[in-house]
Amino acid sequence: MVGKSAGQVGLDDMLARVSALRDEIERNDLPLDLESTREAARERAALLDQLDDHVIPRLSSMDAPLLAVVGGSTGAGKSTLINSILRHEVSRSGVLRPTTTSPVLIHHPDDAPWFRDGRVLPSLARVTGGDAEPQPGTVRLEPSGDLPPGMAILDAPDIDSVVSANRELAVQLLAAADLWLFVTTAARYADAIPWRLLRQASDRGTAVAIVLDRVDRPGAAEVRSHLVEMLRGQGMGTAPVFTVPEADLDDRGFVPEEDIARIRGWLTALAGDQKARSIIVRQTLEGALRSLDGRLESLVGATRAQRDEVAGLVKVVYDAYDRAEEGVTEGMKDGQLLRGEVLARWQEFVGTGEFFRKVEKGVARVRDRITASVRGPEPTAELDEALQTGVSALLLAEADTAAATIARTWRGTEAGPVVLDEHPELARSSRGIEEEVERLVRDWQGDVLDIVRAEGANRRTNARVAAYGVNGIGLFLMLVSFAHTGGVLVAPEVAIAGGTTALAQKVLEAVFGDQAVREMAKKARQLLLERVDALFTAERERYTAVTGELTVSEARIRRLQKAVAAVEEGLR
């Protein structure tokens, strides 16, 4: 890019590519705060900051003033150094430690338009005036005629501040720099935190200059030599190194002129040399662009990892409710619904005496005349209620088991606890499910009565149905639908009360015929299962609605990779 971008067309093309990439990075967020992807999330945020704060503004305005960010450890003397270079207090020493996140940007008055409108550091509000109270989230603009036009200096918070917001802002500001002016001391130049950032600068091709501050004069040469060797070891052997000896400050709090002259002369010369500034600007810009591919690999990997985690959570949900539906199906087949309270109420309704013997005798004689053999009692509300309660209990048990299984399994994953902590209602069935289940069973009972009415539509059959009433025949059909499959009664132990379920089936066969009974029972079971499927689908959707918001598509990842490739192509 930089090699062929002397024309504005080349710059405009690269700006469009980088802007498209920036939008794809923003879209490819990591919605889950997972330990395994936390570093990638930080890298994504850093990438967006650098693109917004430096790369895009610089591509938009290659001739804007060079921005030198002064960074370093606590107590390194950054503010004193800046004030001493300008021979004017523009940055108050110590004011940034550790309570403020408001950096100071010093610029020539003629360069003010470049920084007033948020071209760089757009996330920070502008504050002007040296007496303005610094506030987090702001940058104080400090015009100074002592700084040559063409260069601005940004005094950043300490990179090792005890305040995490200060540390994060310092790293963000350094990534926004055309030139990083790193200030350290003889006592701290080998500290781990600065070198981690220096290695990043080296890897990304950032232009860096080093100020070794507060060095004892007798040992200055030795310390400087060691520092230069360390820089060479990190591929930064060409970085300028300036030594500022330990000295008493003058009455204005500045480093003596003779001790600061070399670095001030270098900065002044750089500000006045458009070609030199352009070289530094292009070096840092191209380094930032070339680092994008490698830096985005972790984001792509983390995005896929989170997508797989979410897919695993979704599978658990589907498996749990599939097993719940299978449990209901089995519960309808194995006769469990015909035990307990239902059995007791059935025995009360049918009894074991005259009613049973009369029906058996009538069926044996002539099936078509069964209604003349017996006028059975109307079914009791207790039996109907017991059957409804049994079906409801089965559905609730399976629904609650599914929700408990999901919560238990999710808590054994990395992503599950994060989702459950955010949505604790997913650890159990939905509120109001009891009412939903009761309504479902009542509606199904209505379905069964509709089946009976439809089958009893002709006059002859209608007369037989009338002998027991639609409700009575419907109750028989519900009982039979839970105790026979494919027209054959289930195992003898399931045929409750010594054959009373067989009785219900024989009554129905006497009224409708055996083939019709098989079809009616099958249809009744199917209608119940359809309603159960709708219930469990609604329960499942509580989970999938949440996980759907956490899912990143493969197409989105491919668009990100394509946008990175477009920037890489523009660099060739």
Protein backbone atom coordinates (compact mmCIF):
# COMPACT_ATOMS: atom_id res chain seq x y z
CA MET A 1 0.00 0.00 0.00
CA VAL A 2 2.47 2.61 1.19
CA GLY A 3 4.89 1.82 -1.61
CA LYS A 4 2.33 2.50 -4.31
CA SER A 5 0.16 5.08 -2.57
CA ALA A 6 1.85 8.29 -3.63
CA GLY A 7 -1.34 9.08 -5.49
CA GLN A 8 -4.54 9.82 -3.64
CA VAL A 9 -6.28 7.02 -5.55
CA GLY A 10 -4.08 4.44 -3.82
CA LEU A 11 -4.77 5.98 -0.41
CA ASP A 12 -8.50 6.15 -1.04
CA ASP A 13 -8.55 2.51 -2.09
CA MET A 14 -6.67 1.39 1.02
CA LEU A 15 -8.87 3.57 3.23
CA ALA A 16 -11.95 1.87 1.79
CA ARG A 17 -10.44 -1.58 2.40
CA VAL A 18 -9.41 -0.78 5.95
CA SER A 19 -12.78 0.81 6.74
CA ALA A 20 -14.53 -2.33 5.46
CA LEU A 21 -12.24 -4.46 7.62
CA ARG A 22 -12.94 -2.30 10.64
CA ASP A 23 -16.69 -2.81 10.19
CA GLU A 24 -16.24 -6.59 9.94
CA ILE A 25 -14.15 -6.62 13.13
CA GLU A 26 -16.88 -4.71 14.93
CA ARG A 27 -19.51 -7.16 13.70
CA ASN A 28 -17.41 -10.15 14.79
CA ASP A 29 -17.77 -9.55 18.48
CA LEU A 30 -17.23 -12.19 21.14
CA PRO A 31 -20.54 -12.18 23.00
CA LEU A 32 -19.41 -14.53 25.78
CA ASP A 33 -16.93 -13.49 28.44
CA LEU A 34 -14.93 -16.73 28.51
CA GLU A 35 -11.52 -17.17 30.07
CA SER A 36 -10.29 -19.04 26.98
CA THR A 37 -11.18 -16.16 24.63
CA ARG A 38 -10.64 -13.17 26.92
CA GLU A 39 -7.26 -12.30 25.42
CA ALA A 40 -8.75 -12.38 21.91
CA ALA A 41 -11.54 -10.06 23.10
CA ARG A 42 -8.92 -7.61 24.40
CA GLU A 43 -7.04 -7.86 21.11
CA ARG A 44 -10.25 -7.14 19.19
CA ALA A 45 -10.89 -4.03 21.29
CA ALA A 46 -7.28 -2.92 20.79
CA LEU A 47 -7.60 -3.43 17.03
CA LEU A 48 -10.74 -1.31 16.85
CA ASP A 49 -9.07 1.41 18.92
CA GLN A 50 -5.98 1.46 16.72
CA LEU A 51 -7.98 1.53 13.51
CA ASP A 52 -10.19 4.34 14.83
CA ASP A 53 -7.47 6.29 16.61
CA HIS A 54 -4.59 5.99 14.17
CA VAL A 55 -4.88 3.95 10.97
CA ILE A 56 -8.08 5.36 9.50
CA PRO A 57 -7.34 8.99 10.49
CA ARG A 58 -3.80 8.68 9.13
CA LEU A 59 -4.96 7.16 5.83
CA SER A 60 -7.48 10.00 5.58
CA SER A 61 -4.83 12.68 6.21
CA MET A 62 -1.27 11.64 5.43
CA ASP A 63 -0.11 15.25 5.75
CA ALA A 64 -1.50 15.75 9.27
CA PRO A 65 1.02 16.54 12.04
CA LEU A 66 3.08 13.67 13.35
CA LEU A 67 1.74 12.47 16.70
CA ALA A 68 4.43 11.49 19.21
CA VAL A 69 3.04 9.74 22.29
CA VAL A 70 5.18 9.93 25.41
CA GLY A 71 4.77 6.74 27.42
CA GLY A 72 6.56 5.09 30.28
CA SER A 73 6.45 3.73 33.79
CA THR A 74 5.32 5.46 36.96
CA GLY A 75 7.83 8.05 38.11
CA ALA A 76 9.86 7.98 34.90
CA GLY A 77 9.56 11.76 34.60
CA LYS A 78 7.48 12.03 31.43
CA SER A 79 5.73 15.28 32.32
CA THR A 80 8.93 16.89 33.58
CA LEU A 81 10.66 15.86 30.36
CA ILE A 82 7.93 17.39 28.17
CA ASN A 83 7.89 20.62 30.16
CA SER A 84 11.68 20.79 30.01
CA ILE A 85 11.77 20.27 26.23
CA LEU A 86 9.28 23.09 25.69
CA ARG A 87 10.65 25.24 28.56
CA HIS A 88 7.05 25.79 29.52
CA GLU A 89 4.73 23.93 31.89
CA VAL A 90 2.14 22.27 29.72
CA SER A 91 1.78 18.99 31.61
CA ARG A 92 1.53 19.03 35.38
CA SER A 93 3.81 16.46 36.98
CA GLY A 94 2.04 13.81 38.98
CA VAL A 95 -1.47 14.92 38.07
CA LEU A 96 -1.98 11.76 36.05
CA ARG A 97 -0.97 9.42 38.86
CA PRO A 98 -3.06 7.60 39.69
CA THR A 99 -6.46 9.23 39.69
CA THR A 100 -7.06 10.60 36.21
CA THR A 101 -7.39 9.15 32.75
CA SER A 102 -7.20 12.52 31.01
CA PRO A 103 -4.08 12.81 28.80
CA VAL A 104 -2.62 16.09 27.54
CA LEU A 105 -2.07 16.73 23.83
CA ILE A 106 0.37 19.57 23.10
CA HIS A 107 0.33 21.05 19.60
CA HIS A 108 1.34 24.23 17.75
CA PRO A 109 -1.57 26.70 17.58
CA ASP A 110 -1.57 26.47 13.78
CA ASP A 111 -2.19 22.71 14.02
CA ALA A 112 -5.24 23.03 16.26
CA PRO A 113 -7.77 22.17 13.49
CA TRP A 114 -6.18 18.73 13.12
CA PHE A 115 -7.04 17.78 16.69
CA ARG A 116 -10.11 19.81 17.60
CA ASP A 117 -12.56 17.82 15.49
CA GLY A 118 -11.82 14.34 16.84
CA ARG A 119 -9.92 13.20 13.78
CA VAL A 120 -7.64 11.20 16.07
CA LEU A 121 -8.76 9.62 19.35
CA PRO A 122 -12.44 10.04 18.45
CA SER A 123 -13.55 8.27 21.64
CA LEU A 124 -12.09 11.04 23.85
CA ALA A 125 -13.92 14.32 24.35
CA ARG A 126 -11.86 17.53 23.90
CA VAL A 127 -11.12 19.85 26.81
CA THR A 128 -9.22 23.10 26.36
CA GLY A 129 -7.58 25.39 28.88
CA GLY A 130 -4.75 24.61 31.23
CA ASP A 131 -6.91 25.12 34.33
CA ALA A 132 -9.61 22.72 33.16
CA GLU A 133 -10.27 19.95 35.65
CA PRO A 134 -9.17 16.69 33.97
CA GLN A 135 -11.96 14.16 33.59
CA PRO A 136 -11.90 10.49 32.56
CA GLY A 137 -12.69 10.04 28.90
CA THR A 138 -11.27 13.41 27.84
CA VAL A 139 -8.08 14.68 26.26
CA ARG A 140 -6.87 18.17 27.16
CA LEU A 141 -5.69 20.17 24.16
CA GLU A 142 -2.76 22.44 25.03
CA PRO A 143 -1.60 24.80 22.25
CA SER A 144 2.03 25.82 22.59
CA GLY A 145 4.08 28.09 20.35
CA ASP A 146 7.22 26.44 21.81
CA LEU A 147 6.43 23.28 19.83
CA PRO A 148 7.16 23.52 16.09
CA PRO A 149 4.24 23.03 13.71
CA GLY A 150 4.02 19.61 12.08
CA MET A 151 4.36 17.65 15.34
CA ALA A 152 2.14 17.07 18.37
CA ILE A 153 3.11 15.48 21.67
CA LEU A 154 0.69 13.44 23.75
CA ASP A 155 1.50 12.87 27.42
CA ALA A 156 -0.07 9.49 28.25
CA PRO A 157 -0.88 7.91 31.63
CA ASP A 158 1.61 5.49 33.19
CA ILE A 159 1.75 2.09 31.51
CA ASP A 160 2.01 0.41 34.93
CA SER A 161 -0.48 2.63 36.78
CA VAL A 162 -2.26 1.11 39.76
CA VAL A 163 -5.51 2.21 38.08
CA SER A 164 -6.50 -0.30 35.39
CA ALA A 165 -8.30 2.38 33.35
CA ASN A 166 -5.05 4.39 33.18
CA ARG A 167 -3.08 1.36 31.99
CA GLU A 168 -5.66 0.54 29.33
CA LEU A 169 -5.75 4.13 28.10
CA ALA A 170 -1.95 4.29 27.97
CA VAL A 171 -1.84 1.22 25.73
CA GLN A 172 -4.61 2.67 23.54
CA LEU A 173 -2.77 5.98 23.15
CA LEU A 174 0.50 4.28 22.29
CA ALA A 175 -1.29 2.36 19.53
CA ALA A 176 -2.53 5.71 18.19
CA ALA A 177 1.00 7.10 17.86
CA ASP A 178 3.01 7.73 14.73
CA LEU A 179 6.04 7.77 17.01
CA TRP A 180 6.35 6.23 20.45
CA LEU A 181 8.68 8.23 22.71
CA PHE A 182 9.35 5.77 25.51
CA VAL A 183 10.69 7.21 28.77
CA THR A 184 12.42 4.96 31.31
CA THR A 185 15.04 5.27 34.01
CA ALA A 186 18.32 3.61 34.84
CA ALA A 187 16.58 1.73 37.63
CA ARG A 188 13.62 0.49 35.57
CA TYR A 189 14.65 0.15 31.93
CA ALA A 190 14.64 -3.67 32.15
CA ASP A 191 11.15 -3.95 33.72
CA ALA A 192 8.85 -6.55 32.18
CA ILE A 193 5.82 -4.33 31.38
CA PRO A 194 7.68 -1.79 29.22
CA TRP A 195 9.46 -4.54 27.32
CA ARG A 196 6.22 -6.33 26.59
CA LEU A 197 4.98 -3.14 24.93
CA LEU A 198 8.31 -2.55 23.21
CA ARG A 199 8.16 -6.04 21.72
CA GLN A 200 4.66 -5.29 20.45
CA ALA A 201 5.96 -2.08 18.88
CA SER A 202 8.77 -4.02 17.24
CA ASP A 203 6.43 -6.71 15.94
CA ARG A 204 4.12 -4.09 14.45
CA GLY A 205 6.83 -1.91 12.95
CA THR A 206 6.05 1.09 15.15
CA ALA A 207 8.64 3.88 15.12
CA VAL A 208 10.15 4.16 18.61
CA ALA A 209 12.63 6.47 20.29
CA ILE A 210 13.95 5.82 23.81
CA VAL A 211 14.70 8.36 26.53
CA LEU A 212 16.86 6.98 29.34
CA ASP A 213 16.08 9.45 32.10
CA ARG A 214 17.73 10.21 35.45
CA VAL A 215 20.97 8.35 34.78
CA ASP A 216 24.00 8.83 37.05
CA ARG A 217 26.65 10.50 34.94
CA PRO A 218 29.48 8.09 35.86
CA GLY A 219 27.48 5.00 34.82
CA ALA A 220 25.54 6.54 31.95
CA ALA A 221 27.62 4.97 29.16
CA GLU A 222 27.39 1.49 30.64
CA VAL A 223 23.62 1.65 31.20
CA ARG A 224 23.04 3.07 27.73
CA SER A 225 25.17 0.33 26.17
CA HIS A 226 23.20 -2.37 27.95
CA LEU A 227 19.91 -0.84 26.89
CA VAL A 228 21.04 -0.67 23.25
CA GLU A 229 22.01 -4.35 23.38
CA MET A 230 18.56 -5.23 24.70
CA LEU A 231 16.97 -3.21 21.89
CA ARG A 232 19.04 -5.01 19.30
CA GLY A 233 17.90 -8.31 20.74
CA GLN A 234 14.32 -7.27 20.04
CA GLY A 235 15.03 -6.09 16.51
CA MET A 236 15.01 -2.43 17.52
CA GLY A 237 18.69 -1.65 17.17
CA THR A 238 18.03 1.40 14.98
CA ALA A 239 15.80 3.14 17.55
CA PRO A 240 17.34 6.43 18.73
CA VAL A 241 18.39 6.39 22.41
CA PHE A 242 18.71 9.67 24.32
CA THR A 243 20.28 9.88 27.76
CA VAL A 244 19.17 12.50 30.27
CA PRO A 245 21.51 12.56 33.30
CA GLU A 246 20.39 12.88 36.90
CA ALA A 247 20.49 16.59 37.74
CA ASP A 248 18.90 19.17 39.99
CA LEU A 249 15.91 20.87 38.35
CA ASP A 250 16.05 24.61 37.92
CA ASP A 251 13.82 27.01 39.79
CA ARG A 252 11.00 26.41 37.28
CA GLY A 253 11.20 22.63 37.73
CA PHE A 254 12.88 22.00 34.35
CA VAL A 255 15.82 19.78 33.45
CA PRO A 256 18.88 21.97 32.71
CA GLU A 257 19.03 23.16 29.11
CA GLU A 258 22.32 21.42 28.35
CA ASP A 259 20.96 18.04 29.49
CA ILE A 260 17.82 18.25 27.38
CA ALA A 261 19.29 19.92 24.29
CA ARG A 262 19.99 16.76 22.27
CA ILE A 263 16.49 15.30 22.42
CA ARG A 264 14.91 18.71 21.93
CA GLY A 265 17.08 19.31 18.87
CA TRP A 266 16.09 15.92 17.43
CA LEU A 267 12.37 16.59 17.87
CA THR A 268 12.70 20.11 16.44
CA ALA A 269 14.58 18.80 13.42
CA LEU A 270 12.01 16.06 12.91
CA ALA A 271 9.15 18.55 13.11
CA GLY A 272 10.80 20.71 10.48
CA ASP A 273 11.69 17.89 8.08
CA GLN A 274 8.61 16.88 6.14
CA LYS A 275 10.40 13.96 4.47
CA ALA A 276 11.65 12.57 7.77
CA ARG A 277 8.17 12.89 9.28
CA SER A 278 6.69 11.16 6.26
CA ILE A 279 9.11 8.24 6.62
CA ILE A 280 8.14 7.74 10.26
CA VAL A 281 4.42 8.11 9.53
CA ARG A 282 4.58 5.58 6.70
CA GLN A 283 6.74 3.15 8.68
CA THR A 284 4.31 3.02 11.58
CA LEU A 285 1.22 2.98 9.35
CA GLU A 286 2.50 0.18 7.16
CA GLY A 287 3.63 -1.78 10.22
CA ALA A 288 0.16 -1.49 11.71
CA LEU A 289 -1.45 -2.66 8.47
CA ARG A 290 0.91 -5.58 8.04
CA SER A 291 0.26 -6.75 11.59
CA LEU A 292 -3.50 -7.03 11.04
CA ASP A 293 -3.49 -10.51 9.52
CA GLY A 294 -1.62 -12.13 12.38
CA ARG A 295 -3.51 -10.22 15.06
CA LEU A 296 -6.85 -11.23 13.57
CA GLU A 297 -5.99 -14.92 13.58
CA SER A 298 -6.68 -15.05 17.31
CA LEU A 299 -10.01 -13.30 16.82
CA VAL A 300 -11.07 -15.76 14.13
CA GLY A 301 -10.01 -18.70 16.30
CA ALA A 302 -11.79 -17.30 19.36
CA THR A 303 -14.94 -16.58 17.34
CA ARG A 304 -15.03 -20.17 16.11
CA ALA A 305 -14.35 -21.45 19.63
CA GLN A 306 -17.28 -19.47 21.01
CA ARG A 307 -19.49 -20.56 18.15
CA ASP A 308 -18.64 -24.21 18.92
CA GLU A 309 -19.35 -23.62 22.62
CA VAL A 310 -22.76 -22.17 21.80
CA ALA A 311 -23.51 -25.00 19.36
CA GLY A 312 -22.73 -27.43 22.16
CA LEU A 313 -25.19 -25.67 24.45
CA VAL A 314 -27.87 -25.80 21.75
CA LYS A 315 -27.30 -29.54 21.24
CA VAL A 316 -27.80 -30.13 24.95
CA VAL A 317 -31.14 -28.31 24.75
CA TYR A 318 -32.41 -30.29 21.77
CA ASP A 319 -31.25 -33.59 23.26
CA ALA A 320 -32.96 -32.84 26.57
CA TYR A 321 -36.34 -32.01 25.05
CA ASP A 322 -36.09 -34.87 22.55
CA ARG A 323 -35.67 -37.21 25.54
CA ALA A 324 -38.57 -35.46 27.27
CA GLU A 325 -40.81 -36.13 24.29
CA GLU A 326 -39.64 -39.74 24.18
CA GLY A 327 -40.44 -39.97 27.88
CA VAL A 328 -43.99 -38.81 27.28
CA THR A 329 -44.38 -41.29 24.44
CA GLU A 330 -43.17 -44.13 26.63
CA GLY A 331 -45.39 -42.95 29.46
CA MET A 332 -48.37 -43.21 27.15
CA LYS A 333 -47.43 -46.77 26.18
CA ASP A 334 -46.30 -48.42 29.38
CA GLY A 335 -49.53 -47.99 31.30
CA GLN A 336 -48.14 -45.77 34.02
CA LEU A 337 -50.96 -43.32 33.40
CA LEU A 338 -53.48 -46.05 34.26
CA ARG A 339 -52.14 -46.76 37.73
CA GLY A 340 -52.55 -45.04 41.05
CA GLU A 341 -55.37 -42.53 41.28
CA VAL A 342 -56.68 -43.33 37.79
CA LEU A 343 -56.94 -47.01 38.69
CA ALA A 344 -58.76 -46.25 41.92
CA ARG A 345 -61.27 -43.96 40.19
CA TRP A 346 -61.75 -46.44 37.36
CA GLN A 347 -62.58 -49.17 39.85
CA GLU A 348 -65.05 -46.87 41.54
CA PHE A 349 -66.63 -46.10 38.19
CA VAL A 350 -66.74 -49.62 36.75
CA GLY A 351 -66.64 -51.76 39.86
CA THR A 352 -66.07 -55.49 39.64
CA GLY A 353 -69.70 -56.63 39.89
CA GLU A 354 -72.89 -56.44 37.89
CA PHE A 355 -71.74 -53.75 35.44
CA PHE A 356 -68.65 -55.69 34.32
CA ARG A 357 -70.57 -59.02 34.05
CA LYS A 358 -73.38 -57.47 32.05
CA VAL A 359 -71.04 -55.84 29.57
CA GLU A 360 -69.03 -59.04 29.14
CA LYS A 361 -72.21 -61.05 28.60
CA GLY A 362 -73.62 -58.55 26.14
CA VAL A 363 -70.39 -58.37 24.13
CA ALA A 364 -70.18 -62.15 23.97
CA ARG A 365 -73.73 -62.44 22.67
CA VAL A 366 -73.82 -59.79 20.01
CA ARG A 367 -71.55 -56.78 19.73
CA ASP A 368 -73.98 -54.68 17.77
CA ARG A 369 -76.60 -54.94 20.50
CA ILE A 370 -74.40 -54.01 23.42
CA THR A 371 -76.28 -50.86 24.12
CA ALA A 372 -79.40 -52.95 24.68
CA SER A 373 -77.54 -55.12 27.17
CA VAL A 374 -76.46 -52.38 29.51
CA ARG A 375 -77.00 -48.75 30.20
CA GLY A 376 -73.76 -47.94 31.99
CA PRO A 377 -73.43 -45.11 34.51
CA GLU A 378 -72.06 -41.76 33.35
CA PRO A 379 -68.32 -41.35 34.01
CA THR A 380 -67.53 -39.55 37.23
CA ALA A 381 -65.77 -36.22 37.41
CA GLU A 382 -63.27 -37.85 39.73
CA LEU A 383 -62.05 -40.31 37.08
CA ASP A 384 -61.81 -37.57 34.47
CA GLU A 385 -59.90 -35.35 36.89
CA ALA A 386 -57.58 -38.19 37.90
CA LEU A 387 -56.77 -38.90 34.26
CA GLN A 388 -56.13 -35.21 33.58
CA THR A 389 -53.91 -34.97 36.66
CA GLY A 390 -51.94 -38.04 35.62
CA VAL A 391 -51.28 -36.75 32.11
CA SER A 392 -50.34 -33.32 33.46
CA ALA A 393 -47.96 -34.82 36.01
CA LEU A 394 -46.23 -36.83 33.27
CA LEU A 395 -45.74 -33.77 31.07
CA LEU A 396 -44.52 -31.57 33.94
CA ALA A 397 -42.10 -34.23 35.15
CA GLU A 398 -40.55 -34.59 31.70
CA ALA A 399 -40.38 -30.81 31.19
CA ASP A 400 -38.76 -30.23 34.57
CA THR A 401 -36.32 -33.08 34.02
CA ALA A 402 -35.29 -31.55 30.68
CA ALA A 403 -34.69 -28.11 32.25
CA ALA A 404 -32.73 -29.62 35.15
CA THR A 405 -30.64 -31.71 32.75
CA ILE A 406 -29.83 -28.65 30.65
CA ALA A 407 -28.78 -26.61 33.68
CA ARG A 408 -26.63 -29.43 35.08
CA THR A 409 -24.95 -30.14 31.73
CA TRP A 410 -24.42 -26.46 30.93
CA ARG A 411 -22.71 -25.90 34.26
CA GLY A 412 -20.15 -28.50 33.23
CA THR A 413 -19.11 -26.44 30.20
CA GLU A 414 -17.18 -23.19 29.92
CA ALA A 415 -19.96 -21.17 28.32
CA GLY A 416 -22.94 -22.59 30.19
CA PRO A 417 -22.35 -20.93 33.58
CA VAL A 418 -21.88 -17.57 31.87
CA VAL A 419 -25.23 -17.89 30.12
CA LEU A 420 -27.03 -19.19 33.22
CA ASP A 421 -25.63 -16.42 35.39
CA GLU A 422 -26.97 -13.92 32.86
CA HIS A 423 -30.29 -15.79 32.46
CA PRO A 424 -31.01 -17.64 35.74
CA GLU A 425 -34.58 -18.35 34.60
CA LEU A 426 -33.16 -20.98 32.22
CA ALA A 427 -32.21 -23.23 35.13
CA ARG A 428 -35.85 -24.33 35.42
CA SER A 429 -39.01 -24.71 33.38
CA SER A 430 -40.78 -21.55 32.38
CA ARG A 431 -42.94 -19.70 34.84
CA GLY A 432 -46.57 -20.64 34.37
CA ILE A 433 -45.84 -23.99 32.74
CA GLU A 434 -48.30 -25.70 35.13
CA GLU A 435 -51.16 -23.64 33.73
CA GLU A 436 -49.94 -24.31 30.18
CA VAL A 437 -49.92 -28.04 30.80
CA GLU A 438 -53.38 -28.05 32.36
CA ARG A 439 -54.73 -26.10 29.40
CA LEU A 440 -52.97 -28.50 27.01
CA VAL A 441 -54.61 -31.56 28.62
CA ARG A 442 -58.05 -29.93 28.65
CA ASP A 443 -57.64 -29.02 24.98
CA TRP A 444 -56.58 -32.56 24.19
CA GLN A 445 -59.60 -33.94 26.00
CA GLY A 446 -61.64 -31.70 23.72
CA ASP A 447 -59.80 -33.22 20.75
CA VAL A 448 -60.82 -36.68 21.91
CA LEU A 449 -64.46 -35.70 22.20
CA ASP A 450 -64.28 -34.29 18.67
CA ILE A 451 -62.97 -37.67 17.48
CA VAL A 452 -65.90 -39.41 19.15
CA ARG A 453 -68.43 -37.02 17.61
CA ALA A 454 -66.89 -37.41 14.17
CA GLU A 455 -66.97 -41.23 14.36
CA GLY A 456 -70.50 -41.25 15.79
CA ALA A 457 -71.93 -39.04 13.07
CA ASN A 458 -74.13 -41.66 11.37
CA ARG A 459 -77.49 -42.46 12.93
CA ARG A 460 -76.78 -46.07 13.95
CA THR A 461 -73.46 -45.31 15.62
CA ASN A 462 -74.83 -42.14 17.13
CA ALA A 463 -77.46 -44.17 18.97
CA ARG A 464 -74.78 -46.39 20.47
CA VAL A 465 -72.74 -43.38 21.54
CA ALA A 466 -75.84 -41.90 23.13
CA ALA A 467 -76.11 -44.97 25.36
CA TYR A 468 -72.97 -43.89 27.21
CA GLY A 469 -72.80 -40.24 26.31
CA VAL A 470 -70.04 -38.52 24.38
CA ASN A 471 -68.09 -37.83 27.57
CA GLY A 472 -68.25 -41.48 28.65
CA ILE A 473 -67.11 -42.79 25.25
CA GLY A 474 -64.40 -40.10 25.19
CA LEU A 475 -63.14 -41.25 28.57
CA PHE A 476 -63.02 -44.85 27.36
CA LEU A 477 -61.04 -43.70 24.30
CA MET A 478 -58.53 -41.82 26.48
CA LEU A 479 -57.98 -44.90 28.61
CA VAL A 480 -57.56 -47.17 25.61
CA SER A 481 -55.17 -44.74 23.89
CA PHE A 482 -52.81 -45.15 26.88
CA ALA A 483 -53.02 -48.94 26.98
CA HIS A 484 -52.83 -50.22 23.47
CA THR A 485 -50.55 -49.83 20.51
CA GLY A 486 -51.27 -50.87 16.96
CA GLY A 487 -54.58 -52.39 18.03
CA VAL A 488 -53.07 -54.77 20.57
CA LEU A 489 -53.35 -54.30 24.32
CA VAL A 490 -50.04 -53.92 26.13
CA ALA A 491 -48.67 -56.44 28.60
CA PRO A 492 -51.21 -58.01 31.00
CA GLU A 493 -49.80 -56.23 34.04
CA VAL A 494 -50.73 -52.94 32.38
CA ALA A 495 -54.34 -53.96 31.79
CA ILE A 496 -55.55 -52.61 35.08
CA ALA A 497 -58.19 -53.98 37.40
CA GLY A 498 -58.17 -57.49 35.99
CA GLY A 499 -59.20 -56.55 32.49
CA THR A 500 -61.12 -53.35 32.91
CA THR A 501 -58.99 -51.67 30.23
CA ALA A 502 -59.92 -54.54 27.96
CA LEU A 503 -63.50 -53.76 28.92
CA ALA A 504 -63.12 -50.15 27.77
CA GLN A 505 -61.76 -51.36 24.46
CA LYS A 506 -64.58 -53.89 24.01
CA VAL A 507 -67.18 -51.24 24.68
CA LEU A 508 -65.59 -49.02 22.02
CA GLU A 509 -65.36 -51.92 19.57
CA ALA A 510 -69.00 -52.67 20.18
CA VAL A 511 -69.86 -49.10 19.32
CA PHE A 512 -67.44 -48.35 16.46
CA GLY A 513 -65.82 -51.58 15.34
CA ASP A 514 -62.28 -52.78 16.05
CA GLN A 515 -60.62 -51.08 13.07
CA ALA A 516 -62.20 -47.74 13.91
CA VAL A 517 -61.09 -48.07 17.52
CA ARG A 518 -57.50 -48.63 16.45
CA GLU A 519 -57.62 -45.56 14.24
CA MET A 520 -59.32 -43.45 16.92
CA ALA A 521 -56.78 -44.44 19.60
CA LYS A 522 -53.92 -43.75 17.21
CA LYS A 523 -55.33 -40.34 16.34
CA ALA A 524 -55.90 -39.48 20.01
CA ARG A 525 -52.28 -40.32 20.86
CA GLN A 526 -51.02 -38.38 17.85
CA LEU A 527 -53.01 -35.27 18.78
CA LEU A 528 -51.64 -35.38 22.32
CA LEU A 529 -48.08 -35.76 21.06
CA GLU A 530 -48.55 -32.83 18.68
CA ARG A 531 -49.62 -30.65 21.58
CA VAL A 532 -46.70 -31.93 23.67
CA ASP A 533 -44.33 -31.13 20.82
CA ALA A 534 -45.66 -27.56 20.71
CA LEU A 535 -45.24 -27.26 24.50
CA PHE A 536 -41.66 -28.51 24.46
CA THR A 537 -40.84 -26.38 21.41
CA ALA A 538 -41.91 -23.30 23.34
CA GLU A 539 -39.79 -24.40 26.31
CA ARG A 540 -36.82 -25.08 24.06
CA GLU A 541 -37.14 -21.71 22.35
CA ARG A 542 -36.45 -19.96 25.66
CA TYR A 543 -32.93 -21.36 25.36
CA THR A 544 -32.47 -21.03 21.61
CA ALA A 545 -33.59 -17.39 21.74
CA VAL A 546 -30.68 -16.70 24.10
CA THR A 547 -28.12 -18.85 22.30
CA GLY A 548 -29.22 -17.43 18.95
CA GLU A 549 -28.02 -14.01 20.08
CA LEU A 550 -24.64 -15.55 20.97
CA THR A 551 -24.08 -17.37 17.68
CA VAL A 552 -21.66 -16.06 15.07
CA SER A 553 -22.14 -17.51 11.61
CA GLU A 554 -19.38 -19.02 9.53
CA ALA A 555 -20.34 -16.58 6.78
CA ARG A 556 -19.51 -13.67 9.08
CA ILE A 557 -16.12 -15.16 9.85
CA ARG A 558 -15.44 -15.64 6.15
CA ARG A 559 -16.32 -12.00 5.49
CA LEU A 560 -13.79 -10.98 8.12
CA GLN A 561 -11.09 -13.14 6.53
CA LYS A 562 -11.96 -11.75 3.11
CA ALA A 563 -11.66 -8.17 4.41
CA VAL A 564 -8.22 -8.97 5.91
CA ALA A 565 -7.12 -10.51 2.61
CA ALA A 566 -8.24 -7.36 0.79
CA VAL A 567 -6.00 -5.21 3.00
CA GLU A 568 -3.11 -7.63 2.52
CA GLU A 569 -3.61 -7.48 -1.25
CA GLY A 570 -3.55 -3.69 -1.13
CA LEU A 571 -0.18 -3.80 0.61
CA ARG A 572 1.45 -5.80 -2.19
